[in-house]
Amino acid sequence: MTTDTLDAPELTGMQKAALVLMNMSTERASAVLRTFSLEEQEQITEEMARMRQVSGEDAERAIEAFREVASQAAEPEERTGHAVATQLIEASFEGERAADLLERISAPQASASFAFLEELAPPRIVTLLEADTAETVAFVLVQLGPDLAAKILMLHESDRRVDIAQAIATMGSPAPEAGGIVADVLRRRARAAADETVFVEEDGDEDAGPAPLRVQPLVDIMNHAAPADEGTLLEGLRERDGHLADEVRAKLLSFEDIPRLQDRDVQQLLRGIELGTIALALKGAAPEAATAITSNMSERNREALAEEAAELGRVKKSQVEEARNVLVRAMRELAGTAGLELKPTAPEPGAADETELPAEEAVEEEEEYVD
């Protein structure tokens, strides 16, 4: 909802849950939030951020629908949703993951001007942006959802794609009015005749110096790209700026990072993933990865996994890679919503990253199967 005050009877379930949590102490709300699924956690914190101001009366009406939970709630008072969401995220998550989530809950408000682009096909959006600099395209992409942004980015030719990716990672803080100006120009373009050209004027200070790297928006977009596109883009970035490529790669979790996860995160990662997929993913994997996964399974699931693995036999390498991609996508989703805490020092997994990967790539060139 977009109104400043909220009418409790019209609230969705997620909005009511957000309102109830807003009226708990930060410590208690943090504990309750962790009982929700990852998707629900993100939805609830986003709903909090959308609630600009909530009156005590509206809060009590919503809490009435949650009597069991309301018994633990603090006295309802007028509080801003974004402030409460910020406190709750900082209490529930740590460090960089908290910062990433705070950026995510702010995005819907900042991106409202660009919502009309979501109704257009990605090729049409590329056409609308073809006259603009890489910096302007980068600004537009970070206003969109990462899935749509990834599709648009990958439709550009390779050199321009790298230009845009680099611009996303090095983008400074735009002027508050910039979003509205750019969105208005794009709306006019969308309505204009095919041969009409409108240019976005760029305001910049050449003496301002390089902006600090802000690679998370680029990482979010690349997380939604196909693995092959991700690799190509990283290579292009490395040719331009090795440091930037390293920064991005460090945030792009891969299958080889599984041994560095905390046990609780591995357990959450494995939920909902079929044993057959896990067995395929572990085919030919480093022992550290297999240990990290099997040590966080019940004995029954370990036995079932062993049976699945025994029945696999010789499989195509592409099948193994796709199974690993399933785990990687789940791991990245977990990182983006609840946060992941990597083990601070992991020399053995690190060594596996250095030695196992090249050997695996060499096998891929010579054969298409994994024994």
Protein backbone atom coordinates (compact mmCIF):
# COMPACT_ATOMS: atom_id res chain seq x y z
CA MET A 1 0.00 0.00 0.00
CA THR A 2 1.17 3.51 -0.66
CA THR A 3 -0.85 5.60 1.78
CA ASP A 4 0.81 7.17 4.82
CA THR A 5 -1.51 5.38 7.22
CA LEU A 6 -2.78 1.86 6.85
CA ASP A 7 -6.30 0.51 7.30
CA ALA A 8 -5.84 -2.80 9.13
CA PRO A 9 -8.84 -4.67 7.63
CA GLU A 10 -7.40 -4.12 4.14
CA LEU A 11 -3.94 -5.40 5.00
CA THR A 12 -2.57 -8.59 3.50
CA GLY A 13 -1.24 -11.34 5.72
CA MET A 14 2.35 -10.22 5.18
CA GLN A 15 1.44 -6.61 5.96
CA LYS A 16 -0.25 -7.67 9.20
CA ALA A 17 2.78 -9.75 10.15
CA ALA A 18 5.03 -6.77 9.42
CA LEU A 19 2.84 -4.51 11.54
CA VAL A 20 2.86 -6.93 14.47
CA LEU A 21 6.66 -7.27 14.34
CA MET A 22 7.00 -3.48 14.18
CA ASN A 23 5.35 -3.29 17.59
CA MET A 24 7.64 -5.82 19.22
CA SER A 25 11.00 -5.04 20.70
CA THR A 26 13.79 -5.34 18.15
CA GLU A 27 15.29 -8.33 19.97
CA ARG A 28 12.01 -10.24 20.10
CA ALA A 29 11.00 -9.32 16.56
CA SER A 30 14.38 -10.51 15.33
CA ALA A 31 13.83 -13.90 16.96
CA VAL A 32 10.33 -14.20 15.50
CA LEU A 33 11.48 -13.16 12.02
CA ARG A 34 13.99 -16.00 11.94
CA THR A 35 11.15 -18.53 12.25
CA PHE A 36 9.80 -17.53 8.83
CA SER A 37 11.07 -18.94 5.55
CA LEU A 38 13.69 -16.95 3.62
CA GLU A 39 11.11 -15.71 1.12
CA GLU A 40 8.74 -14.68 3.90
CA GLN A 41 11.52 -12.85 5.75
CA GLU A 42 12.26 -10.70 2.72
CA GLN A 43 8.57 -10.04 2.02
CA ILE A 44 7.93 -8.97 5.61
CA THR A 45 10.90 -6.59 5.78
CA GLU A 46 9.88 -5.10 2.44
CA GLU A 47 6.36 -4.53 3.76
CA MET A 48 7.83 -2.78 6.80
CA ALA A 49 9.81 -0.46 4.59
CA ARG A 50 6.67 0.47 2.64
CA MET A 51 4.81 1.50 5.80
CA ARG A 52 5.72 5.16 6.07
CA GLN A 53 3.78 5.90 9.25
CA VAL A 54 1.56 3.61 11.30
CA SER A 55 -0.74 4.97 13.99
CA GLY A 56 -1.22 3.24 17.31
CA GLU A 57 -4.90 2.67 16.48
CA ASP A 58 -4.13 0.90 13.20
CA ALA A 59 -1.43 -1.14 14.91
CA GLU A 60 -3.87 -2.36 17.56
CA ARG A 61 -6.43 -3.32 14.93
CA ALA A 62 -3.85 -5.41 13.09
CA ILE A 63 -2.57 -6.97 16.29
CA GLU A 64 -6.10 -8.07 17.13
CA ALA A 65 -5.83 -10.51 14.20
CA PHE A 66 -2.66 -11.92 15.77
CA ARG A 67 -3.74 -12.43 19.38
CA GLU A 68 -1.24 -15.19 20.04
CA VAL A 69 1.61 -13.02 18.85
CA ALA A 70 0.21 -9.78 20.25
CA SER A 71 0.66 -11.04 23.79
CA GLN A 72 4.40 -10.53 23.29
CA ALA A 73 4.15 -7.19 21.48
CA ALA A 74 5.27 -3.86 22.81
CA GLU A 75 2.76 -1.05 23.43
CA PRO A 76 1.67 0.16 19.94
CA GLU A 77 2.95 3.59 19.04
CA GLU A 78 3.52 5.63 15.94
CA ARG A 79 6.68 4.36 14.24
CA THR A 80 8.04 4.59 10.74
CA GLY A 81 8.23 1.28 8.93
CA HIS A 82 11.61 1.88 7.34
CA ALA A 83 13.19 2.72 10.70
CA VAL A 84 11.81 -0.45 12.29
CA ALA A 85 12.84 -2.58 9.31
CA THR A 86 16.34 -1.14 9.56
CA GLN A 87 16.60 -1.97 13.27
CA LEU A 88 15.19 -5.45 12.73
CA ILE A 89 17.54 -6.30 9.87
CA GLU A 90 20.56 -5.03 11.79
CA ALA A 91 19.57 -7.18 14.76
CA SER A 92 18.78 -10.27 12.69
CA PHE A 93 21.68 -10.22 10.23
CA GLU A 94 25.29 -9.21 10.34
CA GLY A 95 27.72 -7.02 8.46
CA GLU A 96 27.54 -6.84 4.72
CA ARG A 97 24.46 -9.05 4.46
CA ALA A 98 22.53 -6.57 6.60
CA ALA A 99 23.69 -3.73 4.36
CA ASP A 100 22.58 -5.66 1.27
CA LEU A 101 19.12 -6.29 2.73
CA LEU A 102 18.75 -2.63 3.66
CA GLU A 103 19.50 -1.72 0.05
CA ARG A 104 16.87 -4.24 -1.10
CA ILE A 105 14.07 -2.86 1.09
CA SER A 106 14.86 0.66 -0.06
CA ALA A 107 14.75 -0.33 -3.72
CA PRO A 108 10.94 -0.51 -4.19
CA GLN A 109 10.60 3.14 -3.12
CA ALA A 110 13.51 4.32 -5.25
CA SER A 111 12.40 2.31 -8.29
CA ALA A 112 8.72 3.26 -8.42
CA SER A 113 9.33 5.70 -11.29
CA PHE A 114 10.66 2.86 -13.44
CA ALA A 115 7.85 0.37 -12.78
CA PHE A 116 6.42 0.97 -16.27
CA LEU A 117 9.50 -0.67 -17.79
CA GLU A 118 8.51 -4.01 -16.27
CA GLU A 119 5.58 -4.11 -18.70
CA LEU A 120 7.92 -3.91 -21.71
CA ALA A 121 9.82 -6.77 -23.32
CA PRO A 122 13.58 -6.70 -22.61
CA PRO A 123 14.50 -6.11 -26.31
CA ARG A 124 12.22 -3.06 -26.33
CA ILE A 125 13.95 -1.67 -23.25
CA VAL A 126 17.34 -2.20 -24.89
CA THR A 127 16.10 -0.17 -27.87
CA LEU A 128 14.96 2.63 -25.57
CA LEU A 129 18.43 2.78 -24.01
CA GLU A 130 20.59 2.37 -27.10
CA ALA A 131 21.31 6.13 -27.42
CA ASP A 132 22.49 6.44 -23.82
CA THR A 133 25.86 6.10 -22.20
CA ALA A 134 26.78 2.98 -20.24
CA GLU A 135 26.44 5.04 -17.06
CA THR A 136 22.81 5.92 -17.83
CA VAL A 137 21.97 2.31 -18.69
CA ALA A 138 23.64 1.19 -15.45
CA PHE A 139 21.55 3.67 -13.48
CA VAL A 140 18.36 2.34 -15.05
CA LEU A 141 19.26 -1.32 -14.50
CA VAL A 142 19.84 -0.91 -10.77
CA GLN A 143 16.30 0.49 -10.48
CA LEU A 144 14.83 -2.72 -11.91
CA GLY A 145 14.48 -6.19 -10.45
CA PRO A 146 17.68 -8.23 -10.89
CA ASP A 147 16.00 -10.83 -13.11
CA LEU A 148 14.79 -8.25 -15.65
CA ALA A 149 18.04 -6.31 -15.35
CA ALA A 150 20.05 -9.45 -16.12
CA LYS A 151 18.00 -10.12 -19.27
CA ILE A 152 18.50 -6.55 -20.47
CA LEU A 153 22.22 -6.58 -19.71
CA MET A 154 22.81 -9.82 -21.59
CA LEU A 155 21.02 -8.50 -24.70
CA HIS A 156 23.74 -5.89 -25.24
CA GLU A 157 26.76 -6.74 -27.35
CA SER A 158 29.75 -7.97 -25.34
CA ASP A 159 31.86 -4.80 -25.12
CA ARG A 160 28.93 -2.58 -24.16
CA ARG A 161 27.80 -5.23 -21.69
CA VAL A 162 31.13 -4.98 -19.91
CA ASP A 163 30.96 -1.16 -20.01
CA ILE A 164 27.56 -1.27 -18.31
CA ALA A 165 28.66 -3.82 -15.72
CA GLN A 166 31.69 -1.71 -14.87
CA ALA A 167 29.49 1.38 -14.58
CA ILE A 168 27.14 -0.42 -12.19
CA ALA A 169 29.99 -1.41 -9.89
CA THR A 170 31.60 2.05 -9.87
CA MET A 171 28.41 4.09 -9.69
CA GLY A 172 28.31 6.93 -7.18
CA SER A 173 25.23 8.27 -5.43
CA PRO A 174 22.98 10.02 -8.00
CA ALA A 175 21.14 13.25 -7.29
CA PRO A 176 17.69 12.61 -5.72
CA GLU A 177 15.90 14.06 -8.74
CA ALA A 178 17.88 11.99 -11.27
CA GLY A 179 15.54 9.00 -11.15
CA GLY A 180 12.46 11.02 -12.02
CA ILE A 181 14.22 12.85 -14.86
CA VAL A 182 15.55 9.68 -16.49
CA ALA A 183 12.23 7.85 -16.02
CA ASP A 184 10.31 10.73 -17.65
CA VAL A 185 12.63 10.66 -20.67
CA LEU A 186 12.18 6.90 -21.04
CA ARG A 187 8.41 7.25 -20.83
CA ARG A 188 8.49 9.80 -23.64
CA ARG A 189 10.66 7.49 -25.70
CA ALA A 190 8.31 4.58 -25.12
CA ARG A 191 5.43 6.68 -26.46
CA ALA A 192 7.35 8.28 -29.28
CA ALA A 193 7.56 7.18 -32.89
CA ALA A 194 10.24 4.64 -33.76
CA ASP A 195 12.38 7.22 -35.54
CA GLU A 196 12.26 9.83 -32.75
CA THR A 197 15.45 10.14 -30.73
CA VAL A 198 15.61 11.73 -27.32
CA PHE A 199 18.87 11.92 -25.42
CA VAL A 200 19.44 11.90 -21.69
CA GLU A 201 21.76 14.67 -20.64
CA GLU A 202 24.50 13.55 -18.31
CA ASP A 203 25.57 15.70 -15.38
CA GLY A 204 28.98 14.80 -14.09
CA ASP A 205 31.97 16.26 -12.33
CA GLU A 206 35.16 15.15 -14.01
CA ASP A 207 37.20 16.37 -11.07
CA ALA A 208 35.18 14.45 -8.51
CA GLY A 209 37.54 11.49 -8.66
CA PRO A 210 36.63 7.80 -8.92
CA ALA A 211 33.61 6.65 -6.96
CA PRO A 212 34.05 3.80 -4.47
CA LEU A 213 33.14 0.37 -5.76
CA ARG A 214 29.52 -0.61 -5.13
CA VAL A 215 29.50 -4.05 -6.65
CA GLN A 216 26.45 -5.53 -4.93
CA PRO A 217 23.91 -4.28 -7.53
CA LEU A 218 26.04 -5.87 -10.25
CA VAL A 219 26.35 -9.08 -8.23
CA ASP A 220 22.55 -9.21 -7.79
CA ILE A 221 22.09 -8.88 -11.55
CA MET A 222 24.77 -11.45 -12.40
CA ASN A 223 23.23 -13.90 -9.93
CA HIS A 224 20.21 -14.00 -12.26
CA ALA A 225 22.25 -14.51 -15.43
CA ALA A 226 23.05 -17.86 -17.02
CA PRO A 227 26.35 -19.37 -15.78
CA ALA A 228 27.93 -19.07 -19.24
CA ASP A 229 26.99 -15.38 -19.47
CA GLU A 230 28.32 -14.82 -15.98
CA GLY A 231 31.71 -16.29 -16.90
CA THR A 232 31.97 -14.29 -20.11
CA LEU A 233 31.12 -11.06 -18.32
CA LEU A 234 33.66 -11.72 -15.58
CA GLU A 235 36.36 -12.32 -18.18
CA GLY A 236 35.48 -9.05 -19.89
CA LEU A 237 35.65 -7.20 -16.59
CA ARG A 238 38.99 -8.78 -15.78
CA GLU A 239 40.46 -7.45 -19.02
CA ARG A 240 39.34 -3.94 -18.07
CA ASP A 241 39.86 -3.94 -14.32
CA GLY A 242 41.28 -6.95 -12.54
CA HIS A 243 40.55 -5.53 -9.10
CA LEU A 244 36.91 -4.94 -9.97
CA ALA A 245 36.58 -8.46 -11.37
CA ASP A 246 38.06 -9.88 -8.17
CA GLU A 247 35.62 -7.84 -6.06
CA VAL A 248 32.67 -9.14 -8.07
CA ARG A 249 33.91 -12.73 -8.13
CA ALA A 250 34.43 -12.69 -4.37
CA LYS A 251 30.73 -11.94 -3.91
CA LEU A 252 29.53 -14.45 -6.51
CA LEU A 253 29.22 -17.61 -4.48
CA SER A 254 30.09 -20.82 -6.30
CA PHE A 255 29.83 -24.54 -5.64
CA GLU A 256 33.42 -24.54 -4.35
CA ASP A 257 32.36 -22.20 -1.53
CA ILE A 258 30.09 -24.80 0.10
CA PRO A 259 32.83 -26.06 2.50
CA ARG A 260 33.18 -22.48 3.79
CA LEU A 261 29.55 -22.26 4.88
CA GLN A 262 28.48 -22.57 8.49
CA ASP A 263 26.69 -25.83 9.33
CA ARG A 264 23.36 -24.07 9.93
CA ASP A 265 23.57 -22.47 6.48
CA VAL A 266 24.35 -25.79 4.79
CA GLN A 267 21.31 -27.32 6.48
CA GLN A 268 19.09 -24.50 5.26
CA LEU A 269 20.64 -24.70 1.80
CA LEU A 270 19.75 -28.38 1.42
CA ARG A 271 16.08 -27.92 2.28
CA GLY A 272 13.87 -28.54 -0.71
CA ILE A 273 16.66 -29.90 -2.93
CA GLU A 274 16.12 -33.47 -4.09
CA LEU A 275 18.63 -36.11 -3.07
CA GLY A 276 19.11 -37.08 -6.71
CA THR A 277 20.21 -33.53 -7.51
CA ILE A 278 22.62 -33.50 -4.57
CA ALA A 279 24.07 -36.86 -5.62
CA LEU A 280 24.66 -35.54 -9.13
CA ALA A 281 26.24 -32.35 -7.82
CA LEU A 282 28.71 -34.32 -5.68
CA LYS A 283 29.81 -36.48 -8.61
CA GLY A 284 33.54 -35.83 -8.93
CA ALA A 285 33.41 -33.03 -6.34
CA ALA A 286 36.20 -32.27 -3.89
CA PRO A 287 35.99 -34.32 -0.66
CA GLU A 288 35.53 -31.11 1.35
CA ALA A 289 32.29 -30.33 -0.47
CA ALA A 290 30.94 -33.85 0.05
CA THR A 291 31.84 -33.75 3.75
CA ALA A 292 30.24 -30.34 4.25
CA ILE A 293 26.99 -31.62 2.78
CA THR A 294 26.76 -35.15 4.20
CA SER A 295 27.79 -34.06 7.72
CA ASN A 296 24.72 -31.82 7.80
CA MET A 297 22.27 -34.57 6.84
CA SER A 298 20.37 -37.00 8.99
CA GLU A 299 21.63 -40.58 8.96
CA ARG A 300 18.62 -41.67 6.94
CA ASN A 301 19.22 -39.02 4.30
CA ARG A 302 22.92 -39.90 4.14
CA GLU A 303 22.01 -43.51 3.46
CA ALA A 304 19.48 -42.49 0.82
CA LEU A 305 22.06 -40.19 -0.78
CA ALA A 306 24.59 -43.03 -0.91
CA GLU A 307 22.01 -45.20 -2.67
CA GLU A 308 21.29 -42.44 -5.19
CA ALA A 309 25.00 -42.00 -5.86
CA ALA A 310 25.53 -45.74 -6.30
CA GLU A 311 22.82 -45.88 -8.96
CA LEU A 312 24.18 -42.97 -10.99
CA GLY A 313 27.05 -44.66 -12.74
CA ARG A 314 28.66 -42.66 -15.54
CA VAL A 315 26.85 -39.37 -16.19
CA LYS A 316 27.22 -36.43 -18.53
CA LYS A 317 29.32 -33.59 -17.21
CA SER A 318 26.59 -31.15 -18.24
CA GLN A 319 24.21 -32.95 -15.86
CA VAL A 320 26.68 -32.55 -13.01
CA GLU A 321 27.11 -28.86 -13.78
CA GLU A 322 23.37 -28.27 -13.91
CA ALA A 323 22.91 -30.04 -10.56
CA ARG A 324 25.64 -27.88 -9.04
CA ASN A 325 23.96 -24.81 -10.48
CA VAL A 326 20.80 -25.76 -8.57
CA LEU A 327 22.78 -25.66 -5.32
CA VAL A 328 24.55 -22.45 -6.31
CA ARG A 329 21.27 -20.70 -7.12
CA ALA A 330 19.84 -21.80 -3.77
CA MET A 331 23.01 -20.64 -2.01
CA ARG A 332 22.87 -17.23 -3.67
CA GLU A 333 19.20 -16.85 -2.84
CA LEU A 334 19.99 -17.67 0.78
CA ALA A 335 22.81 -15.13 0.77
CA GLY A 336 20.57 -12.47 -0.69
CA THR A 337 17.74 -12.91 1.80
CA ALA A 338 19.06 -14.23 5.11
CA GLY A 339 22.77 -13.70 4.65
CA LEU A 340 25.61 -16.21 4.77
CA GLU A 341 28.53 -16.21 7.14
CA LEU A 342 31.56 -17.75 5.46
CA LYS A 343 34.19 -19.30 7.68
CA PRO A 344 36.90 -16.66 8.19
CA THR A 345 39.80 -18.96 7.45
CA ALA A 346 39.37 -22.00 5.25
CA PRO A 347 42.77 -23.03 3.89
CA GLU A 348 41.67 -26.50 2.81
CA PRO A 349 38.64 -25.36 0.77
CA GLY A 350 40.77 -22.53 -0.56
CA ALA A 351 43.38 -25.02 -1.71
CA ALA A 352 40.64 -27.06 -3.33
CA ASP A 353 39.55 -23.95 -5.21
CA GLU A 354 43.07 -23.54 -6.58
CA THR A 355 43.76 -27.17 -7.48
CA GLU A 356 40.43 -28.84 -8.20
CA LEU A 357 38.94 -26.34 -10.63
CA PRO A 358 41.70 -26.37 -13.28
CA ALA A 359 41.73 -30.17 -13.25
CA GLU A 360 37.98 -30.24 -13.69
CA GLU A 361 38.16 -27.80 -16.61
CA ALA A 362 40.80 -29.96 -18.27
CA VAL A 363 38.59 -33.03 -17.97
CA GLU A 364 35.71 -31.09 -19.51
CA GLU A 365 37.75 -30.41 -22.66
CA GLU A 366 38.68 -34.08 -23.07
CA GLU A 367 35.45 -35.85 -22.14
CA GLU A 368 31.78 -35.18 -21.58
CA TYR A 369 31.16 -37.74 -18.86
CA VAL A 370 32.01 -38.07 -15.18
CA ASP A 371 32.61 -41.51 -13.69
